[in-house]
Amino acid sequence: MIKAACWPRTKQRHTAKRVFDRRVEEHGAAGVSYGLVRADVGKRRPQIRLAAGWALAEVFIEQSHQPGVGLVSDGSAIR
């Protein structure tokens, strides 16, 4: 259900509240709390976007500079 309406235009996207309401209405999930659904949606939404090709993976590139050398925005080094 989250995957089906996770990333269309903003006005059509399922919010955690809408997912919770649909769970209760369609599946009778009375024992599920809103906080649990909200946490699950928040955790799964980036995974779904990445799997569907809607987002890029987060990449960490460690930067290393020689001591005493600063880089200027145009790429030149100053000492």
C-alpha atoms as a PDB file:
ATOM      1  CA  MET A   1       0.000   0.000   0.000  1.00  0.00           C
ATOM      2  CA  ILE A   2       2.815   2.420   0.822  1.00  0.00           C
ATOM      3  CA  LYS A   3       4.653   1.601  -2.398  1.00  0.00           C
ATOM      4  CA  ALA A   4       1.605   2.221  -4.571  1.00  0.00           C
ATOM      5  CA  ALA A   5       1.199   5.830  -3.494  1.00  0.00           C
ATOM      6  CA  CYS A   6       4.550   6.804  -2.048  1.00  0.00           C
ATOM      7  CA  TRP A   7       5.915   9.186  -4.610  1.00  0.00           C
ATOM      8  CA  PRO A   8       3.362  10.540  -7.046  1.00  0.00           C
ATOM      9  CA  ARG A   9       2.697  14.250  -6.999  1.00  0.00           C
ATOM     10  CA  THR A  10       2.714  15.702  -3.472  1.00  0.00           C
ATOM     11  CA  LYS A  11      -1.053  16.127  -3.240  1.00  0.00           C
ATOM     12  CA  GLN A  12      -1.635  12.456  -4.084  1.00  0.00           C
ATOM     13  CA  ARG A  13       1.023  10.968  -1.825  1.00  0.00           C
ATOM     14  CA  HIS A  14      -0.085   8.778   1.074  1.00  0.00           C
ATOM     15  CA  THR A  15       0.797  10.355   4.369  1.00  0.00           C
ATOM     16  CA  ALA A  16       1.318   8.243   7.474  1.00  0.00           C
ATOM     17  CA  LYS A  17      -2.127   9.365   8.646  1.00  0.00           C
ATOM     18  CA  ARG A  18      -3.767   8.150   5.442  1.00  0.00           C
ATOM     19  CA  VAL A  19      -1.908   4.833   5.617  1.00  0.00           C
ATOM     20  CA  PHE A  20      -3.036   4.407   9.233  1.00  0.00           C
ATOM     21  CA  ASP A  21      -6.658   5.249   8.388  1.00  0.00           C
ATOM     22  CA  ARG A  22      -6.669   2.780   5.480  1.00  0.00           C
ATOM     23  CA  ARG A  23      -5.168   0.049   7.666  1.00  0.00           C
ATOM     24  CA  VAL A  24      -7.933   0.449  10.226  1.00  0.00           C
ATOM     25  CA  GLU A  25     -10.709   0.788   7.640  1.00  0.00           C
ATOM     26  CA  GLU A  26      -9.723  -1.950   5.192  1.00  0.00           C
ATOM     27  CA  HIS A  27      -8.007  -4.476   7.449  1.00  0.00           C
ATOM     28  CA  GLY A  28      -9.560  -3.816  10.845  1.00  0.00           C
ATOM     29  CA  ALA A  29      -6.141  -3.235  12.372  1.00  0.00           C
ATOM     30  CA  ALA A  30      -7.476  -1.948  15.691  1.00  0.00           C
ATOM     31  CA  GLY A  31      -4.395  -3.057  17.648  1.00  0.00           C
ATOM     32  CA  VAL A  32      -1.978  -0.984  15.559  1.00  0.00           C
ATOM     33  CA  SER A  33      -1.035   2.453  16.861  1.00  0.00           C
ATOM     34  CA  TYR A  34      -0.563   5.531  14.705  1.00  0.00           C
ATOM     35  CA  GLY A  35       2.986   5.975  16.035  1.00  0.00           C
ATOM     36  CA  LEU A  36       3.945   2.482  14.896  1.00  0.00           C
ATOM     37  CA  VAL A  37       2.582   3.106  11.398  1.00  0.00           C
ATOM     38  CA  ARG A  38       4.263   6.522  11.225  1.00  0.00           C
ATOM     39  CA  ALA A  39       7.630   5.043  12.212  1.00  0.00           C
ATOM     40  CA  ASP A  40       7.293   2.238   9.658  1.00  0.00           C
ATOM     41  CA  VAL A  41       6.307   4.623   6.858  1.00  0.00           C
ATOM     42  CA  GLY A  42       9.208   6.925   7.712  1.00  0.00           C
ATOM     43  CA  LYS A  43      11.652   4.031   7.660  1.00  0.00           C
ATOM     44  CA  ARG A  44      10.330   2.377   4.496  1.00  0.00           C
ATOM     45  CA  ARG A  45       9.640   5.419   2.300  1.00  0.00           C
ATOM     46  CA  PRO A  46      13.345   6.052   1.404  1.00  0.00           C
ATOM     47  CA  GLN A  47      13.815   2.333   0.659  1.00  0.00           C
ATOM     48  CA  ILE A  48      10.778   2.280  -1.632  1.00  0.00           C
ATOM     49  CA  ARG A  49      11.882   5.427  -3.460  1.00  0.00           C
ATOM     50  CA  LEU A  50      15.344   3.960  -4.029  1.00  0.00           C
ATOM     51  CA  ALA A  51      13.979   0.612  -5.247  1.00  0.00           C
ATOM     52  CA  ALA A  52      11.604   2.348  -7.658  1.00  0.00           C
ATOM     53  CA  GLY A  53      14.380   4.554  -9.053  1.00  0.00           C
ATOM     54  CA  TRP A  54      12.867   7.782  -7.691  1.00  0.00           C
ATOM     55  CA  ALA A  55      15.824   8.663  -5.475  1.00  0.00           C
ATOM     56  CA  LEU A  56      19.568   8.303  -5.451  1.00  0.00           C
ATOM     57  CA  ALA A  57      21.433   6.271  -2.863  1.00  0.00           C
ATOM     58  CA  GLU A  58      23.190   8.263  -0.192  1.00  0.00           C
ATOM     59  CA  VAL A  59      26.904   8.198  -0.821  1.00  0.00           C
ATOM     60  CA  PHE A  60      29.621   9.237   1.591  1.00  0.00           C
ATOM     61  CA  ILE A  61      32.929  10.368   0.132  1.00  0.00           C
ATOM     62  CA  GLU A  62      35.611  10.967   2.711  1.00  0.00           C
ATOM     63  CA  GLN A  63      37.596  14.088   1.991  1.00  0.00           C
ATOM     64  CA  SER A  64      41.215  14.285   2.927  1.00  0.00           C
ATOM     65  CA  HIS A  65      43.328  17.421   2.709  1.00  0.00           C
ATOM     66  CA  GLN A  66      46.937  17.987   3.499  1.00  0.00           C
ATOM     67  CA  PRO A  67      47.438  19.890   6.763  1.00  0.00           C
ATOM     68  CA  GLY A  68      47.648  23.625   6.165  1.00  0.00           C
ATOM     69  CA  VAL A  69      46.117  23.551   2.705  1.00  0.00           C
ATOM     70  CA  GLY A  70      42.691  25.065   2.135  1.00  0.00           C
ATOM     71  CA  LEU A  71      40.595  24.707  -0.981  1.00  0.00           C
ATOM     72  CA  VAL A  72      38.887  27.672  -2.575  1.00  0.00           C
ATOM     73  CA  SER A  73      35.559  27.327  -4.366  1.00  0.00           C
ATOM     74  CA  ASP A  74      37.219  27.508  -7.790  1.00  0.00           C
ATOM     75  CA  GLY A  75      39.290  24.393  -6.992  1.00  0.00           C
ATOM     76  CA  SER A  76      42.627  26.122  -6.399  1.00  0.00           C
ATOM     77  CA  ALA A  77      44.578  25.461  -3.233  1.00  0.00           C
ATOM     78  CA  ILE A  78      45.852  28.141  -0.891  1.00  0.00           C
ATOM     79  CA  ARG A  79      48.488  27.849   1.817  1.00  0.00           C
END
